[in-house]
Amino acid sequence: MQAVLKELESLGANLVALTPQMPEHNRASTNKGDLNFHLLTDPGNAYAAQLGLRFEVPDDLKAVYSGFGLELPKYNGDESWTLPIPARFVIDGGGIIRATDIDADYTYRPEATKTLEDLRALA
């Protein structure tokens, strides 16, 4: 999304990402990735859960994550071992969701160009 940020902004959009990571880890991600948009923290994936967009990491995947040194409790600040289902929302100025991209396969991320297409369709 960073790659299309200027174009998103030229269409009058703001980009905000929601993550369960603690703010200090968000700052590290922002600095490391040279991100120029806001990362908001969703402690315990509480908001994602309200939207039905949270899943518990299965035990076999916990072992894989741990093997790579990715201890979710450390990064997320809770013991839930939950992650948000990747989702993208295009919300108009009145707060109405106009387009979504949601896939329960957490390895899939929609192309940023799709978000641009959704924005252009609002104009």
PDB file of N, CA and C in Angstrom:
ATOM      1  N   MET A   1       0.820  -1.184   0.000  1.00  0.00           N
ATOM      2  CA  MET A   1       0.000   0.000   0.000  1.00  0.00           C
ATOM      3  C   MET A   1       0.872   1.258   0.000  1.00  0.00           C
ATOM      4  N   GLN A   2       2.033   1.154   0.612  1.00  0.00           N
ATOM      5  CA  GLN A   2       2.937   2.304   0.617  1.00  0.00           C
ATOM      6  C   GLN A   2       3.252   2.743  -0.812  1.00  0.00           C
ATOM      7  N   ALA A   3       3.369   1.779  -1.722  1.00  0.00           N
ATOM      8  CA  ALA A   3       3.742   2.085  -3.103  1.00  0.00           C
ATOM      9  C   ALA A   3       2.689   2.933  -3.820  1.00  0.00           C
ATOM     10  N   VAL A   4       1.435   2.823  -3.394  1.00  0.00           N
ATOM     11  CA  VAL A   4       0.365   3.580  -4.058  1.00  0.00           C
ATOM     12  C   VAL A   4      -0.172   4.703  -3.170  1.00  0.00           C
ATOM     13  N   LEU A   5       0.512   4.993  -2.078  1.00  0.00           N
ATOM     14  CA  LEU A   5       0.018   5.986  -1.127  1.00  0.00           C
ATOM     15  C   LEU A   5      -0.209   7.346  -1.770  1.00  0.00           C
ATOM     16  N   LYS A   6       0.723   7.817  -2.562  1.00  0.00           N
ATOM     17  CA  LYS A   6       0.568   9.133  -3.210  1.00  0.00           C
ATOM     18  C   LYS A   6      -0.680   9.166  -4.084  1.00  0.00           C
ATOM     19  N   GLU A   7      -0.900   8.083  -4.813  1.00  0.00           N
ATOM     20  CA  GLU A   7      -2.084   8.036  -5.684  1.00  0.00           C
ATOM     21  C   GLU A   7      -3.367   7.976  -4.856  1.00  0.00           C
ATOM     22  N   LEU A   8      -3.340   7.226  -3.757  1.00  0.00           N
ATOM     23  CA  LEU A   8      -4.500   7.189  -2.854  1.00  0.00           C
ATOM     24  C   LEU A   8      -4.817   8.596  -2.358  1.00  0.00           C
ATOM     25  N   GLU A   9      -3.776   9.298  -1.929  1.00  0.00           N
ATOM     26  CA  GLU A   9      -3.959  10.656  -1.421  1.00  0.00           C
ATOM     27  C   GLU A   9      -4.448  11.596  -2.498  1.00  0.00           C
ATOM     28  N   SER A  10      -3.986  11.396  -3.739  1.00  0.00           N
ATOM     29  CA  SER A  10      -4.445  12.259  -4.831  1.00  0.00           C
ATOM     30  C   SER A  10      -5.934  12.066  -5.106  1.00  0.00           C
ATOM     31  N   LEU A  11      -6.462  10.920  -4.703  1.00  0.00           N
ATOM     32  CA  LEU A  11      -7.889  10.643  -4.844  1.00  0.00           C
ATOM     33  C   LEU A  11      -8.668  11.105  -3.609  1.00  0.00           C
ATOM     34  N   GLY A  12      -7.975  11.757  -2.689  1.00  0.00           N
ATOM     35  CA  GLY A  12      -8.628  12.284  -1.493  1.00  0.00           C
ATOM     36  C   GLY A  12      -8.744  11.282  -0.359  1.00  0.00           C
ATOM     37  N   ALA A  13      -8.021  10.175  -0.447  1.00  0.00           N
ATOM     38  CA  ALA A  13      -8.124   9.116   0.561  1.00  0.00           C
ATOM     39  C   ALA A  13      -7.025   9.236   1.612  1.00  0.00           C
ATOM     40  N   ASN A  14      -7.322   8.706   2.760  1.00  0.00           N
ATOM     41  CA  ASN A  14      -6.345   8.530   3.825  1.00  0.00           C
ATOM     42  C   ASN A  14      -6.168   7.039   4.042  1.00  0.00           C
ATOM     43  N   LEU A  15      -4.955   6.632   4.327  1.00  0.00           N
ATOM     44  CA  LEU A  15      -4.662   5.228   4.575  1.00  0.00           C
ATOM     45  C   LEU A  15      -4.346   5.038   6.049  1.00  0.00           C
ATOM     46  N   VAL A  16      -5.058   4.114   6.674  1.00  0.00           N
ATOM     47  CA  VAL A  16      -4.850   3.782   8.077  1.00  0.00           C
ATOM     48  C   VAL A  16      -4.852   2.267   8.174  1.00  0.00           C
ATOM     49  N   ALA A  17      -3.888   1.718   8.915  1.00  0.00           N
ATOM     50  CA  ALA A  17      -3.828   0.273   9.126  1.00  0.00           C
ATOM     51  C   ALA A  17      -4.072  -0.023  10.601  1.00  0.00           C
ATOM     52  N   LEU A  18      -4.742  -1.121  10.861  1.00  0.00           N
ATOM     53  CA  LEU A  18      -5.040  -1.558  12.217  1.00  0.00           C
ATOM     54  C   LEU A  18      -4.271  -2.840  12.479  1.00  0.00           C
ATOM     55  N   THR A  19      -3.572  -2.907  13.603  1.00  0.00           N
ATOM     56  CA  THR A  19      -2.741  -4.052  13.928  1.00  0.00           C
ATOM     57  C   THR A  19      -2.836  -4.362  15.416  1.00  0.00           C
ATOM     58  N   PRO A  20      -2.694  -5.625  15.787  1.00  0.00           N
ATOM     59  CA  PRO A  20      -2.688  -5.958  17.217  1.00  0.00           C
ATOM     60  C   PRO A  20      -1.344  -5.670  17.889  1.00  0.00           C
ATOM     61  N   GLN A  21      -0.344  -5.305  17.118  1.00  0.00           N
ATOM     62  CA  GLN A  21       0.981  -5.061  17.690  1.00  0.00           C
ATOM     63  C   GLN A  21       0.958  -3.885  18.666  1.00  0.00           C
ATOM     64  N   MET A  22       1.794  -3.981  19.687  1.00  0.00           N
ATOM     65  CA  MET A  22       1.959  -2.903  20.651  1.00  0.00           C
ATOM     66  C   MET A  22       2.549  -1.681  19.928  1.00  0.00           C
ATOM     67  N   PRO A  23       2.246  -0.470  20.420  1.00  0.00           N
ATOM     68  CA  PRO A  23       2.735   0.740  19.739  1.00  0.00           C
ATOM     69  C   PRO A  23       4.240   0.754  19.502  1.00  0.00           C
ATOM     70  N   GLU A  24       5.033   0.252  20.435  1.00  0.00           N
ATOM     71  CA  GLU A  24       6.488   0.276  20.225  1.00  0.00           C
ATOM     72  C   GLU A  24       6.899  -0.611  19.049  1.00  0.00           C
ATOM     73  N   HIS A  25       6.169  -1.683  18.816  1.00  0.00           N
ATOM     74  CA  HIS A  25       6.471  -2.534  17.667  1.00  0.00           C
ATOM     75  C   HIS A  25       5.936  -1.909  16.377  1.00  0.00           C
ATOM     76  N   ASN A  26       4.846  -1.169  16.485  1.00  0.00           N
ATOM     77  CA  ASN A  26       4.355  -0.425  15.321  1.00  0.00           C
ATOM     78  C   ASN A  26       5.392   0.594  14.875  1.00  0.00           C
ATOM     79  N   ARG A  27       5.972   1.306  15.852  1.00  0.00           N
ATOM     80  CA  ARG A  27       6.991   2.298  15.499  1.00  0.00           C
ATOM     81  C   ARG A  27       8.168   1.635  14.797  1.00  0.00           C
ATOM     82  N   ALA A  28       8.576   0.475  15.304  1.00  0.00           N
ATOM     83  CA  ALA A  28       9.694  -0.240  14.670  1.00  0.00           C
ATOM     84  C   ALA A  28       9.322  -0.644  13.246  1.00  0.00           C
ATOM     85  N   SER A  29       8.095  -1.126  13.053  1.00  0.00           N
ATOM     86  CA  SER A  29       7.646  -1.512  11.709  1.00  0.00           C
ATOM     87  C   SER A  29       7.582  -0.305  10.791  1.00  0.00           C
ATOM     88  N   THR A  30       7.089   0.795  11.316  1.00  0.00           N
ATOM     89  CA  THR A  30       6.984   2.016  10.513  1.00  0.00           C
ATOM     90  C   THR A  30       8.362   2.491  10.084  1.00  0.00           C
ATOM     91  N   ASN A  31       9.292   2.536  11.025  1.00  0.00           N
ATOM     92  CA  ASN A  31      10.642   3.001  10.702  1.00  0.00           C
ATOM     93  C   ASN A  31      11.351   2.034   9.762  1.00  0.00           C
ATOM     94  N   LYS A  32      11.238   0.754  10.013  1.00  0.00           N
ATOM     95  CA  LYS A  32      11.906  -0.266   9.196  1.00  0.00           C
ATOM     96  C   LYS A  32      11.347  -0.283   7.775  1.00  0.00           C
ATOM     97  N   GLY A  33      10.044  -0.161   7.658  1.00  0.00           N
ATOM     98  CA  GLY A  33       9.398  -0.238   6.349  1.00  0.00           C
ATOM     99  C   GLY A  33       9.244   1.089   5.656  1.00  0.00           C
ATOM    100  N   ASP A  34       9.706   2.169   6.298  1.00  0.00           N
ATOM    101  CA  ASP A  34       9.560   3.497   5.735  1.00  0.00           C
ATOM    102  C   ASP A  34       8.108   3.759   5.349  1.00  0.00           C
ATOM    103  N   LEU A  35       7.207   3.455   6.286  1.00  0.00           N
ATOM    104  CA  LEU A  35       5.778   3.632   6.048  1.00  0.00           C
ATOM    105  C   LEU A  35       5.379   5.058   6.372  1.00  0.00           C
ATOM    106  N   ASN A  36       4.553   5.628   5.522  1.00  0.00           N
ATOM    107  CA  ASN A  36       4.102   7.002   5.698  1.00  0.00           C
ATOM    108  C   ASN A  36       2.602   7.083   5.935  1.00  0.00           C
ATOM    109  N   PHE A  37       2.058   6.062   6.596  1.00  0.00           N
ATOM    110  CA  PHE A  37       0.650   6.097   6.977  1.00  0.00           C
ATOM    111  C   PHE A  37       0.536   5.644   8.429  1.00  0.00           C
ATOM    112  N   HIS A  38      -0.633   5.853   8.995  1.00  0.00           N
ATOM    113  CA  HIS A  38      -0.840   5.574  10.408  1.00  0.00           C
ATOM    114  C   HIS A  38      -1.076   4.087  10.655  1.00  0.00           C
ATOM    115  N   LEU A  39      -0.434   3.569  11.697  1.00  0.00           N
ATOM    116  CA  LEU A  39      -0.692   2.221  12.206  1.00  0.00           C
ATOM    117  C   LEU A  39      -1.370   2.384  13.562  1.00  0.00           C
ATOM    118  N   LEU A  40      -2.603   1.941  13.662  1.00  0.00           N
ATOM    119  CA  LEU A  40      -3.335   2.018  14.917  1.00  0.00           C
ATOM    120  C   LEU A  40      -3.296   0.655  15.599  1.00  0.00           C
ATOM    121  N   THR A  41      -3.228   0.677  16.933  1.00  0.00           N
ATOM    122  CA  THR A  41      -3.149  -0.558  17.694  1.00  0.00           C
ATOM    123  C   THR A  41      -4.537  -1.020  18.121  1.00  0.00           C
ATOM    124  N   ASP A  42      -4.805  -2.305  17.907  1.00  0.00           N
ATOM    125  CA  ASP A  42      -6.045  -2.952  18.324  1.00  0.00           C
ATOM    126  C   ASP A  42      -5.680  -4.005  19.376  1.00  0.00           C
ATOM    127  N   PRO A  43      -5.584  -3.600  20.654  1.00  0.00           N
ATOM    128  CA  PRO A  43      -5.149  -4.534  21.697  1.00  0.00           C
ATOM    129  C   PRO A  43      -6.014  -5.798  21.747  1.00  0.00           C
ATOM    130  N   GLY A  44      -5.331  -6.941  21.715  1.00  0.00           N
ATOM    131  CA  GLY A  44      -6.034  -8.218  21.768  1.00  0.00           C
ATOM    132  C   GLY A  44      -6.906  -8.498  20.563  1.00  0.00           C
ATOM    133  N   ASN A  45      -6.740  -7.724  19.516  1.00  0.00           N
ATOM    134  CA  ASN A  45      -7.588  -7.868  18.326  1.00  0.00           C
ATOM    135  C   ASN A  45      -9.066  -7.709  18.675  1.00  0.00           C
ATOM    136  N   ALA A  46      -9.348  -6.864  19.672  1.00  0.00           N
ATOM    137  CA  ALA A  46     -10.721  -6.703  20.147  1.00  0.00           C
ATOM    138  C   ALA A  46     -11.653  -6.161  19.057  1.00  0.00           C
ATOM    139  N   TYR A  47     -11.206  -5.138  18.321  1.00  0.00           N
ATOM    140  CA  TYR A  47     -12.061  -4.590  17.264  1.00  0.00           C
ATOM    141  C   TYR A  47     -12.199  -5.589  16.116  1.00  0.00           C
ATOM    142  N   ALA A  48     -11.095  -6.239  15.779  1.00  0.00           N
ATOM    143  CA  ALA A  48     -11.162  -7.269  14.736  1.00  0.00           C
ATOM    144  C   ALA A  48     -12.173  -8.350  15.128  1.00  0.00           C
ATOM    145  N   ALA A  49     -12.207  -8.706  16.410  1.00  0.00           N
ATOM    146  CA  ALA A  49     -13.166  -9.713  16.877  1.00  0.00           C
ATOM    147  C   ALA A  49     -14.601  -9.207  16.716  1.00  0.00           C
ATOM    148  N   GLN A  50     -14.835  -7.924  17.028  1.00  0.00           N
ATOM    149  CA  GLN A  50     -16.176  -7.359  16.861  1.00  0.00           C
ATOM    150  C   GLN A  50     -16.637  -7.445  15.413  1.00  0.00           C
ATOM    151  N   LEU A  51     -15.677  -7.333  14.497  1.00  0.00           N
ATOM    152  CA  LEU A  51     -15.996  -7.409  13.066  1.00  0.00           C
ATOM    153  C   LEU A  51     -16.036  -8.847  12.551  1.00  0.00           C
ATOM    154  N   GLY A  52     -15.717  -9.809  13.417  1.00  0.00           N
ATOM    155  CA  GLY A  52     -15.652 -11.205  12.990  1.00  0.00           C
ATOM    156  C   GLY A  52     -14.398 -11.498  12.183  1.00  0.00           C
ATOM    157  N   LEU A  53     -13.349 -10.711  12.410  1.00  0.00           N
ATOM    158  CA  LEU A  53     -12.129 -10.811  11.615  1.00  0.00           C
ATOM    159  C   LEU A  53     -10.913 -11.173  12.466  1.00  0.00           C
ATOM    160  N   ARG A  54     -11.094 -12.067  13.426  1.00  0.00           N
ATOM    161  CA  ARG A  54      -9.992 -12.510  14.279  1.00  0.00           C
ATOM    162  C   ARG A  54      -9.999 -14.035  14.294  1.00  0.00           C
ATOM    163  N   PHE A  55      -8.782 -14.614  14.268  1.00  0.00           N
ATOM    164  CA  PHE A  55      -8.688 -16.068  14.393  1.00  0.00           C
ATOM    165  C   PHE A  55      -7.582 -16.418  15.368  1.00  0.00           C
ATOM    166  N   GLU A  56      -7.724 -17.569  15.995  1.00  0.00           N
ATOM    167  CA  GLU A  56      -6.700 -18.056  16.903  1.00  0.00           C
ATOM    168  C   GLU A  56      -5.692 -18.879  16.100  1.00  0.00           C
ATOM    169  N   VAL A  57      -4.434 -18.611  16.322  1.00  0.00           N
ATOM    170  CA  VAL A  57      -3.370 -19.326  15.619  1.00  0.00           C
ATOM    171  C   VAL A  57      -3.364 -20.766  16.117  1.00  0.00           C
ATOM    172  N   PRO A  58      -3.448 -21.742  15.193  1.00  0.00           N
ATOM    173  CA  PRO A  58      -3.429 -23.151  15.607  1.00  0.00           C
ATOM    174  C   PRO A  58      -2.068 -23.547  16.197  1.00  0.00           C
ATOM    175  N   ASP A  59      -2.084 -24.577  17.029  1.00  0.00           N
ATOM    176  CA  ASP A  59      -0.869 -24.999  17.722  1.00  0.00           C
ATOM    177  C   ASP A  59       0.290 -25.285  16.777  1.00  0.00           C
ATOM    178  N   ASP A  60       0.022 -25.957  15.646  1.00  0.00           N
ATOM    179  CA  ASP A  60       1.120 -26.282  14.733  1.00  0.00           C
ATOM    180  C   ASP A  60       1.740 -25.014  14.140  1.00  0.00           C
ATOM    181  N   LEU A  61       0.926 -24.007  13.905  1.00  0.00           N
ATOM    182  CA  LEU A  61       1.439 -22.745  13.366  1.00  0.00           C
ATOM    183  C   LEU A  61       2.158 -21.939  14.457  1.00  0.00           C
ATOM    184  N   LYS A  62       1.696 -22.070  15.710  1.00  0.00           N
ATOM    185  CA  LYS A  62       2.410 -21.431  16.818  1.00  0.00           C
ATOM    186  C   LYS A  62       3.849 -21.923  16.854  1.00  0.00           C
ATOM    187  N   ALA A  63       4.029 -23.228  16.659  1.00  0.00           N
ATOM    188  CA  ALA A  63       5.370 -23.814  16.677  1.00  0.00           C
ATOM    189  C   ALA A  63       6.223 -23.255  15.539  1.00  0.00           C
ATOM    190  N   VAL A  64       5.631 -23.090  14.372  1.00  0.00           N
ATOM    191  CA  VAL A  64       6.352 -22.526  13.230  1.00  0.00           C
ATOM    192  C   VAL A  64       6.753 -21.084  13.539  1.00  0.00           C
ATOM    193  N   TYR A  65       5.797 -20.289  14.018  1.00  0.00           N
ATOM    194  CA  TYR A  65       6.092 -18.895  14.369  1.00  0.00           C
ATOM    195  C   TYR A  65       7.209 -18.831  15.396  1.00  0.00           C
ATOM    196  N   SER A  66       7.088 -19.639  16.435  1.00  0.00           N
ATOM    197  CA  SER A  66       8.105 -19.652  17.491  1.00  0.00           C
ATOM    198  C   SER A  66       9.469 -20.036  16.933  1.00  0.00           C
ATOM    199  N   GLY A  67       9.497 -20.981  15.996  1.00  0.00           N
ATOM    200  CA  GLY A  67      10.745 -21.395  15.370  1.00  0.00           C
ATOM    201  C   GLY A  67      11.442 -20.267  14.632  1.00  0.00           C
ATOM    202  N   PHE A  68      10.654 -19.310  14.157  1.00  0.00           N
ATOM    203  CA  PHE A  68      11.212 -18.133  13.478  1.00  0.00           C
ATOM    204  C   PHE A  68      11.429 -16.977  14.452  1.00  0.00           C
ATOM    205  N   GLY A  69      11.188 -17.217  15.735  1.00  0.00           N
ATOM    206  CA  GLY A  69      11.348 -16.167  16.727  1.00  0.00           C
ATOM    207  C   GLY A  69      10.204 -15.171  16.763  1.00  0.00           C
ATOM    208  N   LEU A  70       9.078 -15.524  16.169  1.00  0.00           N
ATOM    209  CA  LEU A  70       7.908 -14.635  16.131  1.00  0.00           C
ATOM    210  C   LEU A  70       6.961 -15.014  17.274  1.00  0.00           C
ATOM    211  N   GLU A  71       7.202 -14.451  18.419  1.00  0.00           N
ATOM    212  CA  GLU A  71       6.372 -14.710  19.589  1.00  0.00           C
ATOM    213  C   GLU A  71       5.267 -13.656  19.647  1.00  0.00           C
ATOM    214  N   LEU A  72       4.081 -14.026  19.175  1.00  0.00           N
ATOM    215  CA  LEU A  72       2.980 -13.068  19.126  1.00  0.00           C
ATOM    216  C   LEU A  72       2.681 -12.428  20.477  1.00  0.00           C
ATOM    217  N   PRO A  73       2.714 -13.183  21.591  1.00  0.00           N
ATOM    218  CA  PRO A  73       2.447 -12.517  22.876  1.00  0.00           C
ATOM    219  C   PRO A  73       3.399 -11.354  23.144  1.00  0.00           C
ATOM    220  N   LYS A  74       4.637 -11.476  22.744  1.00  0.00           N
ATOM    221  CA  LYS A  74       5.613 -10.398  22.945  1.00  0.00           C
ATOM    222  C   LYS A  74       5.236  -9.176  22.102  1.00  0.00           C
ATOM    223  N   TYR A  75       4.892  -9.388  20.849  1.00  0.00           N
ATOM    224  CA  TYR A  75       4.593  -8.279  19.950  1.00  0.00           C
ATOM    225  C   TYR A  75       3.219  -7.668  20.209  1.00  0.00           C
ATOM    226  N   ASN A  76       2.262  -8.532  20.569  1.00  0.00           N
ATOM    227  CA  ASN A  76       0.886  -8.065  20.714  1.00  0.00           C
ATOM    228  C   ASN A  76       0.515  -7.702  22.148  1.00  0.00           C
ATOM    229  N   GLY A  77       1.360  -8.078  23.106  1.00  0.00           N
ATOM    230  CA  GLY A  77       1.108  -7.687  24.485  1.00  0.00           C
ATOM    231  C   GLY A  77       0.007  -8.453  25.181  1.00  0.00           C
ATOM    232  N   ASP A  78      -0.382  -9.596  24.660  1.00  0.00           N
ATOM    233  CA  ASP A  78      -1.342 -10.458  25.347  1.00  0.00           C
ATOM    234  C   ASP A  78      -1.030 -11.913  25.013  1.00  0.00           C
ATOM    235  N   GLU A  79      -1.673 -12.814  25.692  1.00  0.00           N
ATOM    236  CA  GLU A  79      -1.383 -14.247  25.521  1.00  0.00           C
ATOM    237  C   GLU A  79      -2.369 -14.940  24.588  1.00  0.00           C
ATOM    238  N   SER A  80      -3.136 -14.191  23.827  1.00  0.00           N
ATOM    239  CA  SER A  80      -4.232 -14.783  23.053  1.00  0.00           C
ATOM    240  C   SER A  80      -3.790 -15.584  21.829  1.00  0.00           C
ATOM    241  N   TRP A  81      -2.618 -15.304  21.305  1.00  0.00           N
ATOM    242  CA  TRP A  81      -2.192 -15.932  20.049  1.00  0.00           C
ATOM    243  C   TRP A  81      -3.291 -15.806  18.986  1.00  0.00           C
ATOM    244  N   THR A  82      -3.823 -14.606  18.857  1.00  0.00           N
ATOM    245  CA  THR A  82      -4.808 -14.346  17.811  1.00  0.00           C
ATOM    246  C   THR A  82      -4.213 -13.364  16.800  1.00  0.00           C
ATOM    247  N   LEU A  83      -4.730 -13.444  15.603  1.00  0.00           N
ATOM    248  CA  LEU A  83      -4.353 -12.531  14.531  1.00  0.00           C
ATOM    249  C   LEU A  83      -5.609 -12.054  13.822  1.00  0.00           C
ATOM    250  N   PRO A  84      -5.548 -10.878  13.210  1.00  0.00           N
ATOM    251  CA  PRO A  84      -6.693 -10.424  12.417  1.00  0.00           C
ATOM    252  C   PRO A  84      -6.680 -11.107  11.051  1.00  0.00           C
ATOM    253  N   ILE A  85      -7.858 -11.341  10.535  1.00  0.00           N
ATOM    254  CA  ILE A  85      -7.981 -11.791   9.146  1.00  0.00           C
ATOM    255  C   ILE A  85      -7.697 -10.565   8.279  1.00  0.00           C
ATOM    256  N   PRO A  86      -6.788 -10.685   7.310  1.00  0.00           N
ATOM    257  CA  PRO A  86      -6.489  -9.527   6.463  1.00  0.00           C
ATOM    258  C   PRO A  86      -7.749  -8.999   5.778  1.00  0.00           C
ATOM    259  N   ALA A  87      -7.961  -7.714   5.911  1.00  0.00           N
ATOM    260  CA  ALA A  87      -9.141  -7.089   5.315  1.00  0.00           C
ATOM    261  C   ALA A  87      -8.796  -5.658   4.932  1.00  0.00           C
ATOM    262  N   ARG A  88      -9.425  -5.211   3.870  1.00  0.00           N
ATOM    263  CA  ARG A  88      -9.287  -3.830   3.427  1.00  0.00           C
ATOM    264  C   ARG A  88     -10.676  -3.259   3.234  1.00  0.00           C
ATOM    265  N   PHE A  89     -10.870  -2.042   3.741  1.00  0.00           N
ATOM    266  CA  PHE A  89     -12.158  -1.376   3.612  1.00  0.00           C
ATOM    267  C   PHE A  89     -11.952  -0.034   2.931  1.00  0.00           C
ATOM    268  N   VAL A  90     -12.837   0.300   2.016  1.00  0.00           N
ATOM    269  CA  VAL A  90     -12.894   1.639   1.438  1.00  0.00           C
ATOM    270  C   VAL A  90     -14.142   2.269   2.037  1.00  0.00           C
ATOM    271  N   ILE A  91     -13.916   3.332   2.811  1.00  0.00           N
ATOM    272  CA  ILE A  91     -14.988   3.980   3.556  1.00  0.00           C
ATOM    273  C   ILE A  91     -15.121   5.410   3.047  1.00  0.00           C
ATOM    274  N   ASP A  92     -16.351   5.796   2.725  1.00  0.00           N
ATOM    275  CA  ASP A  92     -16.538   7.150   2.193  1.00  0.00           C
ATOM    276  C   ASP A  92     -16.525   8.191   3.311  1.00  0.00           C
ATOM    277  N   GLY A  93     -16.615   9.455   2.936  1.00  0.00           N
ATOM    278  CA  GLY A  93     -16.549  10.552   3.892  1.00  0.00           C
ATOM    279  C   GLY A  93     -17.664  10.532   4.918  1.00  0.00           C
ATOM    280  N   GLY A  94     -18.744   9.836   4.635  1.00  0.00           N
ATOM    281  CA  GLY A  94     -19.859   9.728   5.576  1.00  0.00           C
ATOM    282  C   GLY A  94     -19.754   8.521   6.492  1.00  0.00           C
ATOM    283  N   GLY A  95     -18.650   7.778   6.368  1.00  0.00           N
ATOM    284  CA  GLY A  95     -18.449   6.607   7.223  1.00  0.00           C
ATOM    285  C   GLY A  95     -19.099   5.335   6.716  1.00  0.00           C
ATOM    286  N   ILE A  96     -19.554   5.340   5.456  1.00  0.00           N
ATOM    287  CA  ILE A  96     -20.195   4.165   4.867  1.00  0.00           C
ATOM    288  C   ILE A  96     -19.132   3.314   4.176  1.00  0.00           C
ATOM    289  N   ILE A  97     -19.113   2.028   4.498  1.00  0.00           N
ATOM    290  CA  ILE A  97     -18.187   1.106   3.824  1.00  0.00           C
ATOM    291  C   ILE A  97     -18.701   0.886   2.411  1.00  0.00           C
ATOM    292  N   ARG A  98     -17.877   1.223   1.426  1.00  0.00           N
ATOM    293  CA  ARG A  98     -18.261   1.126   0.019  1.00  0.00           C
ATOM    294  C   ARG A  98     -17.644  -0.064  -0.694  1.00  0.00           C
ATOM    295  N   ALA A  99     -16.542  -0.593  -0.160  1.00  0.00           N
ATOM    296  CA  ALA A  99     -15.895  -1.747  -0.784  1.00  0.00           C
ATOM    297  C   ALA A  99     -15.078  -2.466   0.286  1.00  0.00           C
ATOM    298  N   THR A 100     -14.991  -3.782   0.135  1.00  0.00           N
ATOM    299  CA  THR A 100     -14.186  -4.582   1.058  1.00  0.00           C
ATOM    300  C   THR A 100     -13.400  -5.626   0.276  1.00  0.00           C
ATOM    301  N   ASP A 101     -12.286  -6.006   0.837  1.00  0.00           N
ATOM    302  CA  ASP A 101     -11.510  -7.144   0.361  1.00  0.00           C
ATOM    303  C   ASP A 101     -11.138  -7.927   1.611  1.00  0.00           C
ATOM    304  N   ILE A 102     -11.734  -9.098   1.764  1.00  0.00           N
ATOM    305  CA  ILE A 102     -11.517  -9.932   2.948  1.00  0.00           C
ATOM    306  C   ILE A 102     -11.328 -11.361   2.472  1.00  0.00           C
ATOM    307  N   ASP A 103     -10.313 -12.023   2.999  1.00  0.00           N
ATOM    308  CA  ASP A 103     -10.081 -13.424   2.655  1.00  0.00           C
ATOM    309  C   ASP A 103      -9.596 -14.138   3.906  1.00  0.00           C
ATOM    310  N   ALA A 104     -10.275 -15.214   4.285  1.00  0.00           N
ATOM    311  CA  ALA A 104      -9.900 -15.968   5.484  1.00  0.00           C
ATOM    312  C   ALA A 104      -8.511 -16.592   5.358  1.00  0.00           C
ATOM    313  N   ASP A 105      -7.995 -16.707   4.143  1.00  0.00           N
ATOM    314  CA  ASP A 105      -6.628 -17.203   3.939  1.00  0.00           C
ATOM    315  C   ASP A 105      -5.679 -16.051   4.259  1.00  0.00           C
ATOM    316  N   TYR A 106      -5.096 -16.106   5.453  1.00  0.00           N
ATOM    317  CA  TYR A 106      -4.270 -14.993   5.927  1.00  0.00           C
ATOM    318  C   TYR A 106      -3.021 -14.767   5.085  1.00  0.00           C
ATOM    319  N   THR A 107      -2.691 -15.705   4.202  1.00  0.00           N
ATOM    320  CA  THR A 107      -1.512 -15.516   3.352  1.00  0.00           C
ATOM    321  C   THR A 107      -1.843 -14.678   2.114  1.00  0.00           C
ATOM    322  N   TYR A 108      -3.125 -14.470   1.853  1.00  0.00           N
ATOM    323  CA  TYR A 108      -3.554 -13.701   0.687  1.00  0.00           C
ATOM    324  C   TYR A 108      -3.723 -12.236   1.064  1.00  0.00           C
ATOM    325  N   ARG A 109      -3.192 -11.374   0.242  1.00  0.00           N
ATOM    326  CA  ARG A 109      -3.396  -9.929   0.397  1.00  0.00           C
ATOM    327  C   ARG A 109      -3.860  -9.390  -0.957  1.00  0.00           C
ATOM    328  N   PRO A 110      -4.961  -8.661  -0.971  1.00  0.00           N
ATOM    329  CA  PRO A 110      -5.425  -8.100  -2.247  1.00  0.00           C
ATOM    330  C   PRO A 110      -4.417  -7.090  -2.781  1.00  0.00           C
ATOM    331  N   GLU A 111      -4.372  -6.971  -4.066  1.00  0.00           N
ATOM    332  CA  GLU A 111      -3.473  -6.018  -4.711  1.00  0.00           C
ATOM    333  C   GLU A 111      -3.894  -4.589  -4.381  1.00  0.00           C
ATOM    334  N   ALA A 112      -2.913  -3.742  -4.190  1.00  0.00           N
ATOM    335  CA  ALA A 112      -3.184  -2.329  -3.899  1.00  0.00           C
ATOM    336  C   ALA A 112      -3.955  -1.672  -5.040  1.00  0.00           C
ATOM    337  N   THR A 113      -3.730  -2.139  -6.259  1.00  0.00           N
ATOM    338  CA  THR A 113      -4.437  -1.564  -7.406  1.00  0.00           C
ATOM    339  C   THR A 113      -5.946  -1.769  -7.279  1.00  0.00           C
ATOM    340  N   LYS A 114      -6.373  -2.836  -6.612  1.00  0.00           N
ATOM    341  CA  LYS A 114      -7.807  -3.077  -6.404  1.00  0.00           C
ATOM    342  C   LYS A 114      -8.395  -1.973  -5.529  1.00  0.00           C
ATOM    343  N   THR A 115      -7.653  -1.558  -4.516  1.00  0.00           N
ATOM    344  CA  THR A 115      -8.116  -0.466  -3.661  1.00  0.00           C
ATOM    345  C   THR A 115      -8.235   0.820  -4.463  1.00  0.00           C
ATOM    346  N   LEU A 116      -7.272   1.068  -5.330  1.00  0.00           N
ATOM    347  CA  LEU A 116      -7.348   2.249  -6.197  1.00  0.00           C
ATOM    348  C   LEU A 116      -8.580   2.191  -7.095  1.00  0.00           C
ATOM    349  N   GLU A 117      -8.851   1.019  -7.657  1.00  0.00           N
ATOM    350  CA  GLU A 117     -10.047   0.854  -8.502  1.00  0.00           C
ATOM    351  C   GLU A 117     -11.309   1.139  -7.702  1.00  0.00           C
ATOM    352  N   ASP A 118     -11.365   0.630  -6.470  1.00  0.00           N
ATOM    353  CA  ASP A 118     -12.538   0.867  -5.621  1.00  0.00           C
ATOM    354  C   ASP A 118     -12.727   2.355  -5.331  1.00  0.00           C
ATOM    355  N   LEU A 119     -11.624   3.055  -5.087  1.00  0.00           N
ATOM    356  CA  LEU A 119     -11.693   4.501  -4.835  1.00  0.00           C
ATOM    357  C   LEU A 119     -12.173   5.250  -6.065  1.00  0.00           C
ATOM    358  N   ARG A 120     -11.629   4.895  -7.202  1.00  0.00           N
ATOM    359  CA  ARG A 120     -12.025   5.575  -8.449  1.00  0.00           C
ATOM    360  C   ARG A 120     -13.511   5.359  -8.727  1.00  0.00           C
ATOM    361  N   ALA A 121     -14.034   4.203  -8.362  1.00  0.00           N
ATOM    362  CA  ALA A 121     -15.443   3.907  -8.605  1.00  0.00           C
ATOM    363  C   ALA A 121     -16.359   4.798  -7.750  1.00  0.00           C
ATOM    364  N   LEU A 122     -15.829   5.339  -6.661  1.00  0.00           N
ATOM    365  CA  LEU A 122     -16.633   6.236  -5.818  1.00  0.00           C
ATOM    366  C   LEU A 122     -16.775   7.628  -6.420  1.00  0.00           C
ATOM    367  N   ALA A 123     -15.837   7.997  -7.291  1.00  0.00           N
ATOM    368  CA  ALA A 123     -15.835   9.363  -7.833  1.00  0.00           C
ATOM    369  C   ALA A 123     -16.965   9.595  -8.808  1.00  0.00           C
TER     370      ALA A 123
END
